[in-house]
Amino acid sequence: KAFGKTRELKPGESEIIKLQFTDYDIASFDENNSQWLTSKGKYLLSF
């Protein structure tokens, strides 16, 4: 759903990467009702 690249990090150096998305970005198409649907429930975000 998103990706981002760090700057060049030296050994031991860190950077916080911020990525964003909306509810619409995680919707699926419901063919029976001709609509995009984001279902309620628990989602898992993986980096």
All heavy atoms as atom14 arrays in JSON, in Angstrom:
{
  "sequence": "KAFGKTRELKPGESEIIKLQFTDYDIASFDENNSQWLTSKGKYLLSF",
  "atom14_mask": [
    [1, 1, 1, 1, 1, 1, 1, 1, 1, 0, 0, 0, 0, 0],
    [1, 1, 1, 1, 1, 0, 0, 0, 0, 0, 0, 0, 0, 0],
    [1, 1, 1, 1, 1, 1, 1, 1, 1, 1, 1, 0, 0, 0],
    [1, 1, 1, 1, 0, 0, 0, 0, 0, 0, 0, 0, 0, 0],
    [1, 1, 1, 1, 1, 1, 1, 1, 1, 0, 0, 0, 0, 0],
    [1, 1, 1, 1, 1, 1, 1, 0, 0, 0, 0, 0, 0, 0],
    [1, 1, 1, 1, 1, 1, 1, 1, 1, 1, 1, 0, 0, 0],
    [1, 1, 1, 1, 1, 1, 1, 1, 1, 0, 0, 0, 0, 0],
    [1, 1, 1, 1, 1, 1, 1, 1, 0, 0, 0, 0, 0, 0],
    [1, 1, 1, 1, 1, 1, 1, 1, 1, 0, 0, 0, 0, 0],
    [1, 1, 1, 1, 1, 1, 1, 0, 0, 0, 0, 0, 0, 0],
    [1, 1, 1, 1, 0, 0, 0, 0, 0, 0, 0, 0, 0, 0],
    [1, 1, 1, 1, 1, 1, 1, 1, 1, 0, 0, 0, 0, 0],
    [1, 1, 1, 1, 1, 1, 0, 0, 0, 0, 0, 0, 0, 0],
    [1, 1, 1, 1, 1, 1, 1, 1, 1, 0, 0, 0, 0, 0],
    [1, 1, 1, 1, 1, 1, 1, 1, 0, 0, 0, 0, 0, 0],
    [1, 1, 1, 1, 1, 1, 1, 1, 0, 0, 0, 0, 0, 0],
    [1, 1, 1, 1, 1, 1, 1, 1, 1, 0, 0, 0, 0, 0],
    [1, 1, 1, 1, 1, 1, 1, 1, 0, 0, 0, 0, 0, 0],
    [1, 1, 1, 1, 1, 1, 1, 1, 1, 0, 0, 0, 0, 0],
    [1, 1, 1, 1, 1, 1, 1, 1, 1, 1, 1, 0, 0, 0],
    [1, 1, 1, 1, 1, 1, 1, 0, 0, 0, 0, 0, 0, 0],
    [1, 1, 1, 1, 1, 1, 1, 1, 0, 0, 0, 0, 0, 0],
    [1, 1, 1, 1, 1, 1, 1, 1, 1, 1, 1, 1, 0, 0],
    [1, 1, 1, 1, 1, 1, 1, 1, 0, 0, 0, 0, 0, 0],
    [1, 1, 1, 1, 1, 1, 1, 1, 0, 0, 0, 0, 0, 0],
    [1, 1, 1, 1, 1, 0, 0, 0, 0, 0, 0, 0, 0, 0],
    [1, 1, 1, 1, 1, 1, 0, 0, 0, 0, 0, 0, 0, 0],
    [1, 1, 1, 1, 1, 1, 1, 1, 1, 1, 1, 0, 0, 0],
    [1, 1, 1, 1, 1, 1, 1, 1, 0, 0, 0, 0, 0, 0],
    [1, 1, 1, 1, 1, 1, 1, 1, 1, 0, 0, 0, 0, 0],
    [1, 1, 1, 1, 1, 1, 1, 1, 0, 0, 0, 0, 0, 0],
    [1, 1, 1, 1, 1, 1, 1, 1, 0, 0, 0, 0, 0, 0],
    [1, 1, 1, 1, 1, 1, 0, 0, 0, 0, 0, 0, 0, 0],
    [1, 1, 1, 1, 1, 1, 1, 1, 1, 0, 0, 0, 0, 0],
    [1, 1, 1, 1, 1, 1, 1, 1, 1, 1, 1, 1, 1, 1],
    [1, 1, 1, 1, 1, 1, 1, 1, 0, 0, 0, 0, 0, 0],
    [1, 1, 1, 1, 1, 1, 1, 0, 0, 0, 0, 0, 0, 0],
    [1, 1, 1, 1, 1, 1, 0, 0, 0, 0, 0, 0, 0, 0],
    [1, 1, 1, 1, 1, 1, 1, 1, 1, 0, 0, 0, 0, 0],
    [1, 1, 1, 1, 0, 0, 0, 0, 0, 0, 0, 0, 0, 0],
    [1, 1, 1, 1, 1, 1, 1, 1, 1, 0, 0, 0, 0, 0],
    [1, 1, 1, 1, 1, 1, 1, 1, 1, 1, 1, 1, 0, 0],
    [1, 1, 1, 1, 1, 1, 1, 1, 0, 0, 0, 0, 0, 0],
    [1, 1, 1, 1, 1, 1, 1, 1, 0, 0, 0, 0, 0, 0],
    [1, 1, 1, 1, 1, 1, 0, 0, 0, 0, 0, 0, 0, 0],
    [1, 1, 1, 1, 1, 1, 1, 1, 1, 1, 1, 0, 0, 0]
  ],
  "atom14_positions": [
    [[0.8, -1.21, 0.0], [0.0, 0.0, 0.0], [0.84, 1.27, 0.0], [0.32, 2.35, -0.29], [-0.94, 0.0, 1.21], [-2.01, -1.07, 1.15], [-2.85, -0.95, -0.11], [-3.86, -2.07, -0.25], [-4.63, -1.99, -1.5], [0.0, 0.0, 0.0], [0.0, 0.0, 0.0], [0.0, 0.0, 0.0], [0.0, 0.0, 0.0], [0.0, 0.0, 0.0]],
    [[2.12, 1.18, 0.33], [2.98, 2.36, 0.31], [4.43, 1.9, 0.42], [4.71, 0.78, 0.83], [2.64, 3.31, 1.46], [0.0, 0.0, 0.0], [0.0, 0.0, 0.0], [0.0, 0.0, 0.0], [0.0, 0.0, 0.0], [0.0, 0.0, 0.0], [0.0, 0.0, 0.0], [0.0, 0.0, 0.0], [0.0, 0.0, 0.0], [0.0, 0.0, 0.0]],
    [[5.34, 2.77, 0.03], [6.76, 2.47, 0.2], [7.54, 3.78, 0.24], [7.08, 4.82, -0.22], [7.3, 1.57, -0.94], [7.19, 2.16, -2.31], [8.23, 2.9, -2.85], [6.05, 1.97, -3.08], [8.14, 3.44, -4.12], [5.95, 2.5, -4.35], [6.99, 3.25, -4.87], [0.0, 0.0, 0.0], [0.0, 0.0, 0.0], [0.0, 0.0, 0.0]],
    [[8.73, 3.73, 0.81], [9.57, 4.91, 0.92], [11.02, 4.52, 1.09], [11.33, 3.45, 1.61], [0.0, 0.0, 0.0], [0.0, 0.0, 0.0], [0.0, 0.0, 0.0], [0.0, 0.0, 0.0], [0.0, 0.0, 0.0], [0.0, 0.0, 0.0], [0.0, 0.0, 0.0], [0.0, 0.0, 0.0], [0.0, 0.0, 0.0], [0.0, 0.0, 0.0]],
    [[11.91, 5.39, 0.64], [13.34, 5.09, 0.67], [14.06, 6.01, 1.66], [13.78, 7.22, 1.72], [13.94, 5.28, -0.73], [15.3, 4.64, -0.92], [15.68, 4.7, -2.4], [16.89, 3.85, -2.69], [17.22, 3.8, -4.14], [0.0, 0.0, 0.0], [0.0, 0.0, 0.0], [0.0, 0.0, 0.0], [0.0, 0.0, 0.0], [0.0, 0.0, 0.0]],
    [[14.97, 5.44, 2.41], [15.74, 6.25, 3.35], [16.78, 7.06, 2.6], [17.1, 6.79, 1.44], [16.48, 5.35, 4.37], [17.5, 4.61, 3.69], [15.53, 4.4, 5.07], [0.0, 0.0, 0.0], [0.0, 0.0, 0.0], [0.0, 0.0, 0.0], [0.0, 0.0, 0.0], [0.0, 0.0, 0.0], [0.0, 0.0, 0.0], [0.0, 0.0, 0.0]],
    [[17.33, 8.05, 3.27], [18.53, 8.69, 2.74], [19.7, 7.71, 2.92], [19.52, 6.63, 3.5], [18.81, 9.99, 3.5], [19.18, 9.79, 4.97], [19.48, 11.12, 5.65], [19.98, 10.93, 7.01], [19.23, 10.74, 8.07], [17.91, 10.74, 7.95], [19.77, 10.57, 9.26], [0.0, 0.0, 0.0], [0.0, 0.0, 0.0], [0.0, 0.0, 0.0]],
    [[20.86, 8.06, 2.46], [22.0, 7.19, 2.68], [22.4, 7.21, 4.15], [22.75, 8.26, 4.68], [23.19, 7.61, 1.81], [24.36, 6.64, 1.91], [25.4, 6.87, 0.84], [25.1, 7.57, -0.14], [26.51, 6.35, 0.99], [0.0, 0.0, 0.0], [0.0, 0.0, 0.0], [0.0, 0.0, 0.0], [0.0, 0.0, 0.0], [0.0, 0.0, 0.0]],
    [[22.29, 6.05, 4.78], [22.56, 5.95, 6.21], [23.96, 5.38, 6.45], [24.33, 4.35, 5.87], [21.53, 5.03, 6.88], [20.06, 5.47, 6.8], [19.16, 4.42, 7.44], [19.86, 6.82, 7.46], [0.0, 0.0, 0.0], [0.0, 0.0, 0.0], [0.0, 0.0, 0.0], [0.0, 0.0, 0.0], [0.0, 0.0, 0.0], [0.0, 0.0, 0.0]],
    [[24.71, 6.04, 7.29], [26.03, 5.55, 7.65], [25.88, 4.41, 8.66], [24.81, 4.26, 9.27], [26.86, 6.69, 8.26], [27.13, 7.84, 7.3], [27.91, 8.95, 7.99], [28.15, 10.12, 7.04], [28.89, 11.23, 7.71], [0.0, 0.0, 0.0], [0.0, 0.0, 0.0], [0.0, 0.0, 0.0], [0.0, 0.0, 0.0], [0.0, 0.0, 0.0]],
    [[26.89, 3.59, 8.86], [26.8, 2.51, 9.85], [26.38, 3.03, 11.22], [26.93, 4.01, 11.73], [28.22, 1.96, 9.89], [28.76, 2.22, 8.52], [28.17, 3.55, 8.13], [0.0, 0.0, 0.0], [0.0, 0.0, 0.0], [0.0, 0.0, 0.0], [0.0, 0.0, 0.0], [0.0, 0.0, 0.0], [0.0, 0.0, 0.0], [0.0, 0.0, 0.0]],
    [[25.33, 2.43, 11.77], [24.81, 2.84, 13.07], [23.8, 3.97, 13.01], [23.17, 4.29, 14.03], [0.0, 0.0, 0.0], [0.0, 0.0, 0.0], [0.0, 0.0, 0.0], [0.0, 0.0, 0.0], [0.0, 0.0, 0.0], [0.0, 0.0, 0.0], [0.0, 0.0, 0.0], [0.0, 0.0, 0.0], [0.0, 0.0, 0.0], [0.0, 0.0, 0.0]],
    [[23.62, 4.58, 11.86], [22.71, 5.72, 11.74], [21.28, 5.23, 11.5], [21.06, 4.2, 10.87], [23.15, 6.62, 10.59], [22.44, 7.96, 10.54], [23.02, 8.89, 9.48], [23.82, 8.42, 8.65], [22.65, 10.08, 9.49], [0.0, 0.0, 0.0], [0.0, 0.0, 0.0], [0.0, 0.0, 0.0], [0.0, 0.0, 0.0], [0.0, 0.0, 0.0]],
    [[20.3, 6.02, 11.98], [18.88, 5.66, 11.86], [18.08, 6.78, 11.21], [18.49, 7.94, 11.22], [18.28, 5.35, 13.24], [18.94, 4.28, 13.86], [0.0, 0.0, 0.0], [0.0, 0.0, 0.0], [0.0, 0.0, 0.0], [0.0, 0.0, 0.0], [0.0, 0.0, 0.0], [0.0, 0.0, 0.0], [0.0, 0.0, 0.0], [0.0, 0.0, 0.0]],
    [[16.94, 6.4, 10.67], [15.99, 7.37, 10.12], [14.57, 6.84, 10.3], [14.33, 5.64, 10.16], [16.24, 7.62, 8.63], [15.28, 8.62, 8.01], [15.5, 8.86, 6.53], [16.47, 8.29, 5.97], [14.72, 9.61, 5.93], [0.0, 0.0, 0.0], [0.0, 0.0, 0.0], [0.0, 0.0, 0.0], [0.0, 0.0, 0.0], [0.0, 0.0, 0.0]],
    [[13.64, 7.73, 10.64], [12.24, 7.34, 10.76], [11.54, 7.6, 9.43], [11.54, 8.71, 8.92], [11.54, 8.13, 11.88], [12.15, 7.75, 13.24], [10.04, 7.85, 11.89], [11.57, 8.53, 14.41], [0.0, 0.0, 0.0], [0.0, 0.0, 0.0], [0.0, 0.0, 0.0], [0.0, 0.0, 0.0], [0.0, 0.0, 0.0], [0.0, 0.0, 0.0]],
    [[10.98, 6.55, 8.86], [10.25, 6.65, 7.6], [8.76, 6.73, 7.91], [8.22, 5.91, 8.66], [10.53, 5.44, 6.7], [12.0, 5.41, 6.29], [9.65, 5.46, 5.44], [12.44, 6.58, 5.45], [0.0, 0.0, 0.0], [0.0, 0.0, 0.0], [0.0, 0.0, 0.0], [0.0, 0.0, 0.0], [0.0, 0.0, 0.0], [0.0, 0.0, 0.0]],
    [[8.08, 7.71, 7.33], [6.65, 7.89, 7.52], [5.92, 7.58, 6.21], [6.25, 8.12, 5.16], [6.34, 9.33, 7.95], [6.87, 9.69, 9.32], [6.39, 11.07, 9.76], [6.87, 11.39, 11.17], [6.35, 12.69, 11.65], [0.0, 0.0, 0.0], [0.0, 0.0, 0.0], [0.0, 0.0, 0.0], [0.0, 0.0, 0.0], [0.0, 0.0, 0.0]],
    [[4.96, 6.68, 6.29], [4.16, 6.28, 5.14], [2.69, 6.46, 5.48], [2.28, 6.3, 6.63], [4.45, 4.82, 4.77], [5.92, 4.49, 4.47], [6.1, 2.99, 4.35], [6.37, 5.19, 3.2], [0.0, 0.0, 0.0], [0.0, 0.0, 0.0], [0.0, 0.0, 0.0], [0.0, 0.0, 0.0], [0.0, 0.0, 0.0], [0.0, 0.0, 0.0]],
    [[1.88, 6.8, 4.5], [0.47, 7.05, 4.78], [-0.45, 6.39, 3.75], [-0.06, 6.11, 2.63], [0.19, 8.55, 4.83], [0.43, 9.28, 3.52], [0.17, 10.77, 3.66], [0.41, 11.37, 4.7], [-0.34, 11.39, 2.6], [0.0, 0.0, 0.0], [0.0, 0.0, 0.0], [0.0, 0.0, 0.0], [0.0, 0.0, 0.0], [0.0, 0.0, 0.0]],
    [[-1.68, 6.14, 4.19], [-2.7, 5.58, 3.32], [-4.06, 5.95, 3.89], [-4.18, 6.39, 5.04], [-2.55, 4.05, 3.2], [-2.65, 3.32, 4.5], [-3.86, 2.79, 4.93], [-1.54, 3.16, 5.32], [-3.96, 2.11, 6.13], [-1.62, 2.48, 6.53], [-2.84, 1.96, 6.94], [0.0, 0.0, 0.0], [0.0, 0.0, 0.0], [0.0, 0.0, 0.0]],
    [[-5.1, 5.78, 3.1], [-6.46, 6.1, 3.52], [-7.31, 4.83, 3.59], [-6.9, 3.77, 3.12], [-7.13, 7.08, 2.54], [-7.29, 6.43, 1.27], [-6.27, 8.33, 2.35], [0.0, 0.0, 0.0], [0.0, 0.0, 0.0], [0.0, 0.0, 0.0], [0.0, 0.0, 0.0], [0.0, 0.0, 0.0], [0.0, 0.0, 0.0], [0.0, 0.0, 0.0]],
    [[-8.5, 4.94, 4.14], [-9.42, 3.81, 4.17], [-9.75, 3.34, 2.75], [-9.92, 2.15, 2.49], [-10.71, 4.18, 4.91], [-10.48, 4.4, 6.4], [-9.47, 3.89, 6.93], [-11.3, 5.09, 7.03], [0.0, 0.0, 0.0], [0.0, 0.0, 0.0], [0.0, 0.0, 0.0], [0.0, 0.0, 0.0], [0.0, 0.0, 0.0], [0.0, 0.0, 0.0]],
    [[-9.85, 4.29, 1.85], [-10.17, 3.95, 0.45], [-9.05, 3.14, -0.19], [-9.3, 2.27, -1.03], [-10.41, 5.23, -0.34], [-10.78, 5.0, -1.79], [-12.05, 4.55, -2.14], [-9.86, 5.23, -2.81], [-12.4, 4.33, -3.47], [-10.2, 5.03, -4.14], [-11.46, 4.57, -4.46], [-11.79, 4.35, -5.78], [0.0, 0.0, 0.0], [0.0, 0.0, 0.0]],
    [[-7.81, 3.42, 0.21], [-6.66, 2.71, -0.36], [-6.68, 1.22, -0.05], [-6.04, 0.43, -0.76], [-5.35, 3.31, 0.15], [-5.1, 4.71, -0.36], [-5.57, 5.02, -1.48], [-4.43, 5.49, 0.34], [0.0, 0.0, 0.0], [0.0, 0.0, 0.0], [0.0, 0.0, 0.0], [0.0, 0.0, 0.0], [0.0, 0.0, 0.0], [0.0, 0.0, 0.0]],
    [[-7.37, 0.81, 1.0], [-7.38, -0.6, 1.38], [-8.72, -1.26, 1.06], [-9.03, -2.35, 1.56], [-7.03, -0.79, 2.87], [-8.0, -0.04, 3.77], [-5.61, -0.32, 3.15], [-7.73, -0.26, 5.26], [0.0, 0.0, 0.0], [0.0, 0.0, 0.0], [0.0, 0.0, 0.0], [0.0, 0.0, 0.0], [0.0, 0.0, 0.0], [0.0, 0.0, 0.0]],
    [[-9.51, -0.61, 0.21], [-10.82, -1.14, -0.17], [-10.68, -2.22, -1.23], [-9.71, -2.27, -1.98], [-11.72, -0.02, -0.67], [0.0, 0.0, 0.0], [0.0, 0.0, 0.0], [0.0, 0.0, 0.0], [0.0, 0.0, 0.0], [0.0, 0.0, 0.0], [0.0, 0.0, 0.0], [0.0, 0.0, 0.0], [0.0, 0.0, 0.0], [0.0, 0.0, 0.0]],
    [[-11.67, -3.1, -1.3], [-11.8, -4.09, -2.36], [-13.11, -3.86, -3.08], [-14.06, -3.3, -2.52], [-11.76, -5.51, -1.79], [-10.49, -5.83, -1.3], [0.0, 0.0, 0.0], [0.0, 0.0, 0.0], [0.0, 0.0, 0.0], [0.0, 0.0, 0.0], [0.0, 0.0, 0.0], [0.0, 0.0, 0.0], [0.0, 0.0, 0.0], [0.0, 0.0, 0.0]],
    [[-13.18, -4.33, -4.33], [-14.4, -4.09, -5.1], [-15.43, -5.17, -4.82], [-15.16, -6.37, -4.96], [-14.11, -4.03, -6.59], [-15.26, -3.49, -7.39], [-15.66, -2.17, -7.23], [-15.96, -4.3, -8.27], [-16.74, -1.66, -7.95], [-17.03, -3.81, -8.99], [-17.42, -2.48, -8.83], [0.0, 0.0, 0.0], [0.0, 0.0, 0.0], [0.0, 0.0, 0.0]],
    [[-16.61, -4.72, -4.41], [-17.76, -5.6, -4.16], [-18.58, -5.65, -5.44], [-19.38, -4.76, -5.72], [-18.57, -5.03, -2.99], [-19.84, -5.82, -2.72], [-20.06, -6.86, -3.36], [-20.62, -5.39, -1.84], [0.0, 0.0, 0.0], [0.0, 0.0, 0.0], [0.0, 0.0, 0.0], [0.0, 0.0, 0.0], [0.0, 0.0, 0.0], [0.0, 0.0, 0.0]],
    [[-18.39, -6.7, -6.23], [-19.03, -6.79, -7.55], [-20.55, -6.88, -7.45], [-21.26, -6.34, -8.31], [-18.49, -8.01, -8.29], [-17.0, -7.95, -8.56], [-16.48, -9.23, -9.19], [-17.3, -10.17, -9.4], [-15.28, -9.31, -9.47], [0.0, 0.0, 0.0], [0.0, 0.0, 0.0], [0.0, 0.0, 0.0], [0.0, 0.0, 0.0], [0.0, 0.0, 0.0]],
    [[-21.05, -7.56, -6.44], [-22.49, -7.74, -6.33], [-23.24, -6.44, -6.09], [-24.4, -6.3, -6.47], [-22.81, -8.71, -5.18], [-22.27, -10.11, -5.45], [-22.21, -10.54, -6.59], [-21.88, -10.81, -4.38], [0.0, 0.0, 0.0], [0.0, 0.0, 0.0], [0.0, 0.0, 0.0], [0.0, 0.0, 0.0], [0.0, 0.0, 0.0], [0.0, 0.0, 0.0]],
    [[-22.57, -5.48, -5.45], [-23.23, -4.21, -5.12], [-22.61, -3.01, -5.83], [-22.96, -1.87, -5.53], [-23.19, -4.0, -3.6], [-23.94, -5.07, -2.84], [-25.15, -5.2, -2.99], [-23.23, -5.87, -2.06], [0.0, 0.0, 0.0], [0.0, 0.0, 0.0], [0.0, 0.0, 0.0], [0.0, 0.0, 0.0], [0.0, 0.0, 0.0], [0.0, 0.0, 0.0]],
    [[-21.7, -3.25, -6.76], [-21.05, -2.19, -7.53], [-20.53, -1.08, -6.61], [-20.9, 0.09, -6.74], [-22.03, -1.59, -8.57], [-22.35, -2.54, -9.55], [0.0, 0.0, 0.0], [0.0, 0.0, 0.0], [0.0, 0.0, 0.0], [0.0, 0.0, 0.0], [0.0, 0.0, 0.0], [0.0, 0.0, 0.0], [0.0, 0.0, 0.0], [0.0, 0.0, 0.0]],
    [[-19.66, -1.48, -5.71], [-19.1, -0.5, -4.77], [-17.74, -0.97, -4.27], [-17.41, -2.15, -4.29], [-20.03, -0.33, -3.57], [-20.2, -1.59, -2.73], [-21.2, -1.42, -1.59], [-21.89, -0.42, -1.49], [-21.28, -2.43, -0.72], [0.0, 0.0, 0.0], [0.0, 0.0, 0.0], [0.0, 0.0, 0.0], [0.0, 0.0, 0.0], [0.0, 0.0, 0.0]],
    [[-16.95, 0.01, -3.86], [-15.7, -0.29, -3.16], [-16.02, -0.42, -1.68], [-16.8, 0.36, -1.13], [-14.68, 0.82, -3.39], [-14.15, 0.83, -4.79], [-14.57, 1.6, -5.82], [-13.09, 0.01, -5.31], [-13.86, 1.32, -6.96], [-12.94, 0.35, -6.68], [-12.27, -0.97, -4.75], [-11.98, -0.28, -7.49], [-11.32, -1.58, -5.56], [-11.19, -1.23, -6.91]],
    [[-15.42, -1.42, -1.05], [-15.75, -1.73, 0.34], [-14.49, -1.91, 1.17], [-13.62, -2.72, 0.82], [-16.59, -3.0, 0.41], [-16.79, -3.64, 1.78], [-17.6, -2.71, 2.7], [-17.47, -5.0, 1.65], [0.0, 0.0, 0.0], [0.0, 0.0, 0.0], [0.0, 0.0, 0.0], [0.0, 0.0, 0.0], [0.0, 0.0, 0.0], [0.0, 0.0, 0.0]],
    [[-14.4, -1.16, 2.26], [-13.39, -1.4, 3.29], [-14.11, -1.97, 4.49], [-14.92, -1.28, 5.12], [-12.65, -0.1, 3.67], [-11.93, 0.38, 2.54], [-11.67, -0.36, 4.8], [0.0, 0.0, 0.0], [0.0, 0.0, 0.0], [0.0, 0.0, 0.0], [0.0, 0.0, 0.0], [0.0, 0.0, 0.0], [0.0, 0.0, 0.0], [0.0, 0.0, 0.0]],
    [[-13.85, -3.22, 4.78], [-14.59, -3.92, 5.83], [-14.07, -3.55, 7.22], [-12.88, -3.3, 7.4], [-14.49, -5.43, 5.64], [-15.01, -5.81, 4.39], [0.0, 0.0, 0.0], [0.0, 0.0, 0.0], [0.0, 0.0, 0.0], [0.0, 0.0, 0.0], [0.0, 0.0, 0.0], [0.0, 0.0, 0.0], [0.0, 0.0, 0.0], [0.0, 0.0, 0.0]],
    [[-14.97, -3.56, 8.16], [-14.56, -3.34, 9.55], [-13.78, -4.55, 10.05], [-13.9, -5.65, 9.51], [-15.78, -3.09, 10.43], [-16.72, -4.28, 10.55], [-17.92, -3.95, 11.43], [-18.85, -5.16, 11.51], [-20.05, -4.86, 12.35], [0.0, 0.0, 0.0], [0.0, 0.0, 0.0], [0.0, 0.0, 0.0], [0.0, 0.0, 0.0], [0.0, 0.0, 0.0]],
    [[-13.0, -4.34, 11.09], [-12.25, -5.44, 11.67], [-10.82, -5.07, 11.96], [-10.41, -3.91, 11.83], [0.0, 0.0, 0.0], [0.0, 0.0, 0.0], [0.0, 0.0, 0.0], [0.0, 0.0, 0.0], [0.0, 0.0, 0.0], [0.0, 0.0, 0.0], [0.0, 0.0, 0.0], [0.0, 0.0, 0.0], [0.0, 0.0, 0.0], [0.0, 0.0, 0.0]],
    [[-10.04, -6.08, 12.34], [-8.64, -5.86, 12.71], [-7.73, -6.14, 11.52], [-7.78, -7.21, 10.92], [-8.25, -6.74, 13.9], [-6.81, -6.54, 14.36], [-6.47, -7.36, 15.59], [-7.16, -6.79, 16.82], [-6.7, -7.46, 18.07], [0.0, 0.0, 0.0], [0.0, 0.0, 0.0], [0.0, 0.0, 0.0], [0.0, 0.0, 0.0], [0.0, 0.0, 0.0]],
    [[-6.89, -5.17, 11.21], [-5.92, -5.27, 10.13], [-4.52, -5.39, 10.72], [-4.28, -5.0, 11.86], [-5.99, -4.04, 9.23], [-7.26, -3.94, 8.4], [-8.47, -3.6, 8.98], [-7.23, -4.16, 7.02], [-9.64, -3.5, 8.23], [-8.38, -4.05, 6.26], [-9.58, -3.73, 6.87], [-10.72, -3.63, 6.12], [0.0, 0.0, 0.0], [0.0, 0.0, 0.0]],
    [[-3.61, -5.92, 9.91], [-2.22, -6.03, 10.34], [-1.33, -5.29, 9.36], [-1.37, -5.53, 8.16], [-1.79, -7.49, 10.44], [-0.37, -7.72, 10.97], [-0.28, -7.27, 12.44], [0.04, -9.18, 10.84], [0.0, 0.0, 0.0], [0.0, 0.0, 0.0], [0.0, 0.0, 0.0], [0.0, 0.0, 0.0], [0.0, 0.0, 0.0], [0.0, 0.0, 0.0]],
    [[-0.54, -4.38, 9.9], [0.4, -3.59, 9.11], [1.78, -4.23, 9.22], [2.23, -4.54, 10.32], [0.44, -2.17, 9.67], [0.85, -1.02, 8.77], [-0.13, -0.86, 7.64], [0.92, 0.25, 9.6], [0.0, 0.0, 0.0], [0.0, 0.0, 0.0], [0.0, 0.0, 0.0], [0.0, 0.0, 0.0], [0.0, 0.0, 0.0], [0.0, 0.0, 0.0]],
    [[2.43, -4.47, 8.08], [3.76, -5.09, 8.09], [4.75, -4.21, 7.33], [4.45, -3.76, 6.22], [3.71, -6.48, 7.44], [2.87, -7.35, 8.15], [0.0, 0.0, 0.0], [0.0, 0.0, 0.0], [0.0, 0.0, 0.0], [0.0, 0.0, 0.0], [0.0, 0.0, 0.0], [0.0, 0.0, 0.0], [0.0, 0.0, 0.0], [0.0, 0.0, 0.0]],
    [[5.89, -3.98, 7.94], [6.98, -3.24, 7.3], [8.01, -4.25, 6.83], [8.52, -5.04, 7.62], [7.63, -2.27, 8.29], [6.69, -1.25, 8.86], [5.93, -1.53, 10.0], [6.57, 0.01, 8.28], [5.08, -0.59, 10.55], [5.72, 0.96, 8.82], [4.97, 0.67, 9.96], [0.0, 0.0, 0.0], [0.0, 0.0, 0.0], [0.0, 0.0, 0.0]]
  ]
}
